[in-house]
Amino acid sequence: MAPQRIFGGSTLPLRWPKNSGYGELRVCAYSPASISNNIKSTTTMSRQTVQLALLICDTPVPAVLQKYGTYLEVFKVFLNNSLTHLGLADDVNFTLDGYDVTKEEFPPSELLEKGSGYQGILISGSSASAYADLPWIHTLTKWVGDVATSKPHIRFVGICFGHQIIARALGGDCIRNPVGWEVGTTEVELTEEGKKLFGGDKVLKIQQMHRDHVPNLPPSFKLLASSIDSPNQGMISEYSDQGDDLKGIHIFTVQGHPEFSPDIVHKIIDTRELSGVMDSETVKEGRRRADERDEGTGRIGKAIWKVLGVDA
């Protein structure tokens, strides 16, 4: 099945509520062969173009899906809003192709080649556990490990479940956190590496929605931040000095959800309360914290675009 493609800054309205401030987007289906000659990273008329893929690991809860669309659409809005926050909306153009990895759909090999395909691959969150004994999770974990190792020119960005999958794919672990849920805006304390990447204050605020975590660092990774309940709130793997043109950060992950708005967090809490997955105290505290200011589209969005090669 052909992936779904979203163009940053394009023109067909889709699903967003009126006066949302999210702008417009266009979605079209395509076959990889039909675009294989038009996907190089370029700078045209002083506008940088970035080709991205999103590995979609879940479907949003119905209330989120109805109001905001799929996670492909949620990530497109997040990336666009981050560029706007940075004042770069007129300088950077991006495409975002979605692959439903729960159906074992992945980018074709020709779009993974250097100079003719994706510059970055993002991995979404999921209600599933990264250690679950499910065929699609086994396939995803192996695929991420293989591509991260064999195609080092492609940057990886892992969000929540994506953070956990990357850890497992590259020699780390993911387990249920004995402390329980982390929900809503959470302060994480930055390491020295985190301060260099995110800049600003030593504390970073990010929306959370998880009860699994990565308890330690995989080999060759550096820690970015920790919270009281989760010691690994983000990590990076940098390119080694091999004399080639690959420099900076190869892999970037965060345990939280920079792409989530307070309303999305509230809707997920509502759904999980009704299903009995969240206890009443977690629900109450999560709702309170969901409305606190976070830095998803600000400092975290800026870091993601920097990793993806944009001079943010």
Protein backbone atom coordinates (compact mmCIF):
# COMPACT_ATOMS: atom_id res chain seq x y z
CA MET A 1 0.00 0.00 0.00
CA ALA A 2 1.27 3.45 -0.90
CA PRO A 3 2.08 5.71 2.02
CA GLN A 4 0.17 8.89 2.76
CA ARG A 5 2.03 12.12 2.02
CA ILE A 6 1.59 15.50 3.66
CA PHE A 7 3.18 18.67 2.32
CA GLY A 8 4.22 21.40 4.72
CA GLY A 9 2.61 24.66 3.70
CA SER A 10 0.21 23.27 1.06
CA THR A 11 -3.35 24.21 0.36
CA LEU A 12 -6.23 21.75 0.79
CA PRO A 13 -7.95 22.15 4.23
CA LEU A 14 -8.42 18.93 6.19
CA ARG A 15 -10.24 18.27 9.49
CA TRP A 16 -8.85 21.10 11.60
CA PRO A 17 -11.44 22.99 13.70
CA LYS A 18 -12.18 26.58 12.72
CA ASN A 19 -9.92 29.22 14.23
CA SER A 20 -7.47 26.52 15.36
CA GLY A 21 -4.47 28.44 14.06
CA TYR A 22 -3.16 25.22 12.47
CA GLY A 23 -3.18 26.48 8.89
CA GLU A 24 -3.96 24.27 5.94
CA LEU A 25 -2.53 21.01 4.68
CA ARG A 26 -2.75 18.75 1.69
CA VAL A 27 -2.75 14.98 1.65
CA CYS A 28 -2.27 12.81 -1.40
CA ALA A 29 -1.53 9.19 -2.09
CA TYR A 30 1.42 8.36 -4.31
CA SER A 31 3.46 5.43 -5.46
CA PRO A 32 7.16 5.58 -4.51
CA ALA A 33 8.16 5.19 -8.15
CA SER A 34 6.20 8.28 -9.14
CA ILE A 35 8.24 10.57 -6.89
CA SER A 36 11.63 8.90 -6.85
CA ASN A 37 13.14 11.57 -9.10
CA ASN A 38 11.84 14.50 -7.09
CA ILE A 39 12.83 13.93 -3.47
CA LYS A 40 16.35 15.22 -3.08
CA SER A 41 17.08 17.70 -0.32
CA THR A 42 17.40 21.02 -2.11
CA THR A 43 17.49 24.72 -1.52
CA THR A 44 15.30 26.40 -4.13
CA MET A 45 14.67 30.15 -4.18
CA SER A 46 16.40 30.26 -0.78
CA ARG A 47 13.89 27.75 0.62
CA GLN A 48 15.26 24.52 2.08
CA THR A 49 13.34 21.32 1.34
CA VAL A 50 13.44 18.41 3.77
CA GLN A 51 12.06 14.96 2.96
CA LEU A 52 10.77 13.09 6.03
CA ALA A 53 9.05 9.79 6.82
CA LEU A 54 6.87 9.05 9.84
CA LEU A 55 6.56 5.50 11.12
CA ILE A 56 2.99 5.49 12.45
CA CYS A 57 2.69 3.13 15.41
CA ASP A 58 -0.93 3.66 16.46
CA THR A 59 -4.30 5.26 15.68
CA PRO A 60 -5.34 8.13 17.96
CA VAL A 61 -8.22 7.60 20.39
CA PRO A 62 -11.55 8.39 18.67
CA ALA A 63 -11.96 11.87 20.19
CA VAL A 64 -8.49 12.90 19.01
CA LEU A 65 -8.94 11.31 15.59
CA GLN A 66 -12.24 13.10 15.03
CA LYS A 67 -10.90 16.55 15.93
CA TYR A 68 -7.24 16.42 14.87
CA GLY A 69 -6.94 13.54 12.42
CA THR A 70 -4.33 10.80 12.31
CA TYR A 71 -0.89 10.98 13.88
CA LEU A 72 0.45 11.89 10.45
CA GLU A 73 -1.65 15.04 10.60
CA VAL A 74 -0.80 15.71 14.25
CA PHE A 75 2.93 15.57 13.47
CA LYS A 76 2.54 17.75 10.40
CA VAL A 77 0.88 20.45 12.52
CA PHE A 78 3.57 20.13 15.19
CA LEU A 79 6.40 20.48 12.67
CA ASN A 80 4.72 23.43 10.97
CA ASN A 81 4.03 25.16 14.28
CA SER A 82 7.64 24.68 15.33
CA LEU A 83 8.87 26.32 12.13
CA THR A 84 6.45 29.20 12.69
CA HIS A 85 7.65 29.58 16.28
CA LEU A 86 11.22 29.76 14.99
CA GLY A 87 10.33 32.27 12.28
CA LEU A 88 11.31 29.76 9.58
CA ALA A 89 7.93 28.98 8.00
CA ASP A 90 8.90 30.83 4.82
CA ASP A 91 12.41 29.37 4.70
CA VAL A 92 11.79 25.63 5.09
CA ASN A 93 9.51 23.35 3.07
CA PHE A 94 9.01 19.73 4.11
CA THR A 95 7.11 16.64 3.05
CA LEU A 96 6.03 14.01 5.54
CA ASP A 97 5.20 10.50 4.30
CA GLY A 98 3.35 8.18 6.67
CA TYR A 99 3.87 4.42 6.94
CA ASP A 100 1.56 2.32 9.11
CA VAL A 101 4.08 -0.02 10.70
CA THR A 102 1.33 -1.84 12.64
CA LYS A 103 0.52 -3.25 9.18
CA GLU A 104 4.25 -3.74 8.54
CA GLU A 105 4.41 -0.95 5.96
CA PHE A 106 7.88 0.62 5.69
CA PRO A 107 9.69 3.05 3.39
CA PRO A 108 10.91 1.34 0.22
CA SER A 109 14.63 0.78 -0.13
CA GLU A 110 15.04 3.33 -2.94
CA LEU A 111 13.88 6.10 -0.57
CA LEU A 112 16.56 5.17 1.94
CA GLU A 113 19.52 5.83 -0.35
CA LYS A 114 21.81 8.78 0.29
CA GLY A 115 21.07 11.78 -1.89
CA SER A 116 17.82 10.43 -3.30
CA GLY A 117 15.50 9.82 -0.36
CA TYR A 118 14.64 10.66 3.20
CA GLN A 119 16.85 12.86 5.35
CA GLY A 120 14.98 11.92 8.50
CA ILE A 121 12.67 9.25 9.92
CA LEU A 122 10.38 10.00 12.86
CA ILE A 123 8.78 7.27 14.99
CA SER A 124 5.49 8.06 16.69
CA GLY A 125 4.10 7.11 20.06
CA SER A 126 1.78 4.15 20.64
CA SER A 127 -0.56 2.68 23.23
CA ALA A 128 1.34 -0.59 22.77
CA SER A 129 4.38 -1.53 24.84
CA ALA A 130 7.68 -1.56 23.00
CA TYR A 131 8.46 -4.94 24.59
CA ALA A 132 5.12 -6.54 23.63
CA ASP A 133 5.38 -9.91 21.90
CA LEU A 134 3.68 -8.76 18.71
CA PRO A 135 4.90 -9.51 15.16
CA TRP A 136 4.79 -5.88 14.01
CA ILE A 137 6.83 -4.74 17.02
CA HIS A 138 9.47 -7.39 16.36
CA THR A 139 9.60 -6.34 12.69
CA LEU A 140 9.77 -2.64 13.58
CA THR A 141 12.55 -3.12 16.13
CA LYS A 142 14.68 -5.09 13.69
CA TRP A 143 14.02 -2.63 10.84
CA VAL A 144 15.03 0.38 12.95
CA GLY A 145 18.23 -1.33 14.08
CA ASP A 146 19.13 -2.34 10.55
CA VAL A 147 18.46 1.06 8.95
CA ALA A 148 20.10 3.06 11.74
CA THR A 149 23.22 0.93 11.29
CA SER A 150 23.33 0.55 7.52
CA LYS A 151 21.97 3.96 6.45
CA PRO A 152 23.71 6.39 8.80
CA HIS A 153 22.92 9.40 6.57
CA ILE A 154 19.29 9.16 7.75
CA ARG A 155 18.59 10.93 11.02
CA PHE A 156 16.15 9.30 13.46
CA VAL A 157 13.76 11.05 15.85
CA GLY A 158 11.95 8.85 18.36
CA ILE A 159 8.94 10.07 20.35
CA CYS A 160 7.79 8.16 23.48
CA PHE A 161 7.17 4.65 22.05
CA GLY A 162 9.65 5.61 19.32
CA HIS A 163 12.22 6.47 22.00
CA GLN A 164 11.66 3.04 23.53
CA ILE A 165 11.83 1.17 20.20
CA ILE A 166 15.11 2.87 19.32
CA ALA A 167 16.53 1.91 22.71
CA ARG A 168 15.59 -1.76 22.20
CA ALA A 169 16.79 -1.78 18.58
CA LEU A 170 20.24 -0.50 19.53
CA GLY A 171 21.12 -2.52 22.60
CA GLY A 172 19.00 -1.02 25.37
CA ASP A 173 15.81 -2.05 27.12
CA CYS A 174 12.25 -0.93 27.84
CA ILE A 175 10.22 -2.03 30.88
CA ARG A 176 7.08 -1.14 32.79
CA ASN A 177 7.91 1.69 35.17
CA PRO A 178 7.22 0.53 38.75
CA VAL A 179 6.39 4.14 39.68
CA GLY A 180 3.44 4.11 37.30
CA TRP A 181 2.12 6.74 34.91
CA GLU A 182 3.72 10.04 33.96
CA VAL A 183 0.98 12.26 32.50
CA GLY A 184 0.75 15.93 31.53
CA THR A 185 3.40 18.63 31.49
CA THR A 186 6.46 17.40 33.37
CA GLU A 187 9.67 19.16 34.28
CA VAL A 188 12.77 17.23 33.24
CA GLU A 189 16.24 18.20 34.35
CA LEU A 190 18.77 18.59 31.58
CA THR A 191 22.25 17.09 31.58
CA GLU A 192 25.17 19.07 30.19
CA GLU A 193 24.46 17.47 26.80
CA GLY A 194 20.83 18.48 27.12
CA LYS A 195 21.72 22.07 27.93
CA LYS A 196 23.90 22.26 24.82
CA LEU A 197 21.14 20.94 22.58
CA PHE A 198 18.08 22.70 24.00
CA GLY A 199 19.68 25.87 25.31
CA GLY A 200 17.91 28.06 27.82
CA ASP A 201 17.07 26.98 31.34
CA LYS A 202 18.33 23.72 32.88
CA VAL A 203 14.72 22.54 33.22
CA LEU A 204 12.65 21.54 30.18
CA LYS A 205 8.84 21.15 30.22
CA ILE A 206 7.25 18.50 28.04
CA GLN A 207 3.86 16.75 27.84
CA GLN A 208 3.94 13.10 28.92
CA MET A 209 1.70 10.06 28.41
CA HIS A 210 3.46 6.84 29.40
CA ARG A 211 3.94 4.15 32.02
CA ASP A 212 6.76 2.25 30.29
CA HIS A 213 10.27 3.68 30.24
CA VAL A 214 13.88 3.12 29.19
CA PRO A 215 15.74 2.40 32.45
CA ASN A 216 19.26 2.98 31.13
CA LEU A 217 21.26 4.13 28.12
CA PRO A 218 22.00 1.91 25.12
CA PRO A 219 25.66 1.72 24.08
CA SER A 220 27.06 4.90 22.47
CA PHE A 221 24.13 7.08 23.57
CA LYS A 222 24.32 10.20 25.73
CA LEU A 223 21.64 11.20 28.22
CA LEU A 224 19.76 14.45 27.63
CA ALA A 225 17.41 14.67 30.62
CA SER A 226 15.83 12.90 33.59
CA SER A 227 12.68 13.32 35.65
CA ILE A 228 11.89 12.22 39.19
CA ASP A 229 10.06 9.14 37.90
CA SER A 230 11.96 8.33 34.67
CA PRO A 231 15.78 8.45 34.59
CA ASN A 232 15.98 8.50 30.78
CA GLN A 233 13.83 11.32 29.40
CA GLY A 234 15.79 11.62 26.19
CA MET A 235 19.04 10.65 24.53
CA ILE A 236 21.21 11.22 21.50
CA SER A 237 23.71 9.23 19.48
CA GLU A 238 26.28 11.30 17.62
CA TYR A 239 28.24 10.48 14.50
CA SER A 240 31.75 9.27 15.21
CA ASP A 241 34.66 11.02 13.53
CA GLN A 242 35.18 8.74 10.53
CA GLY A 243 36.41 11.38 8.13
CA ASP A 244 33.12 11.51 6.18
CA ASP A 245 30.58 14.32 5.83
CA LEU A 246 28.26 13.02 8.57
CA LYS A 247 28.50 15.23 11.61
CA GLY A 248 26.41 16.12 14.61
CA ILE A 249 23.50 14.08 15.94
CA HIS A 250 22.45 10.88 14.20
CA ILE A 251 19.63 9.81 16.58
CA PHE A 252 17.51 11.95 18.90
CA THR A 253 14.78 10.71 21.23
CA VAL A 254 12.48 12.02 23.95
CA GLN A 255 10.24 10.07 26.32
CA GLY A 256 7.57 12.78 26.24
CA HIS A 257 5.25 14.06 23.53
CA PRO A 258 6.23 17.46 22.08
CA GLU A 259 3.56 16.98 19.41
CA PHE A 260 0.69 16.81 21.94
CA SER A 261 -1.42 19.84 22.77
CA PRO A 262 -3.15 20.11 26.17
CA ASP A 263 -6.45 19.23 24.50
CA ILE A 264 -5.02 16.04 23.01
CA VAL A 265 -3.69 15.02 26.43
CA HIS A 266 -7.10 15.69 28.02
CA LYS A 267 -8.87 13.57 25.42
CA ILE A 268 -6.47 10.65 25.95
CA ILE A 269 -6.90 10.92 29.73
CA ASP A 270 -10.69 10.86 29.31
CA THR A 271 -10.49 7.72 27.18
CA ARG A 272 -8.14 5.91 29.55
CA GLU A 273 -10.21 6.86 32.58
CA LEU A 274 -13.32 5.36 30.98
CA SER A 275 -11.46 2.16 30.10
CA GLY A 276 -10.10 1.82 33.64
CA VAL A 277 -6.47 1.97 32.50
CA MET A 278 -5.79 5.06 34.64
CA ASP A 279 -6.65 5.32 38.33
CA SER A 280 -8.51 8.36 39.68
CA GLU A 281 -5.44 10.00 41.24
CA THR A 282 -3.46 9.74 37.99
CA VAL A 283 -6.42 11.19 36.09
CA LYS A 284 -6.81 14.12 38.49
CA GLU A 285 -3.11 14.98 38.51
CA GLY A 286 -2.77 14.46 34.75
CA ARG A 287 -5.63 16.85 34.01
CA ARG A 288 -4.09 19.49 36.25
CA ARG A 289 -0.67 19.20 34.65
CA ALA A 290 -1.93 18.94 31.06
CA ASP A 291 -2.84 22.64 31.09
CA GLU A 292 0.56 23.80 32.32
CA ARG A 293 2.84 25.43 29.76
CA ASP A 294 5.08 23.07 27.80
CA GLU A 295 7.96 23.68 25.39
CA GLY A 296 7.06 21.23 22.65
CA THR A 297 6.90 23.61 19.70
CA GLY A 298 9.58 25.84 21.24
CA ARG A 299 12.84 24.43 22.54
CA ILE A 300 12.05 20.82 21.66
CA GLY A 301 10.79 21.61 18.16
CA LYS A 302 13.89 23.69 17.57
CA ALA A 303 16.14 20.80 18.64
CA ILE A 304 14.31 18.39 16.30
CA TRP A 305 14.72 20.68 13.30
CA LYS A 306 18.41 21.17 14.14
CA VAL A 307 18.87 17.39 14.19
CA LEU A 308 17.12 17.20 10.81
CA GLY A 309 19.60 19.61 9.30
CA VAL A 310 17.78 22.94 9.53
CA ASP A 311 19.75 25.90 10.80
CA ALA A 312 17.31 26.70 13.62
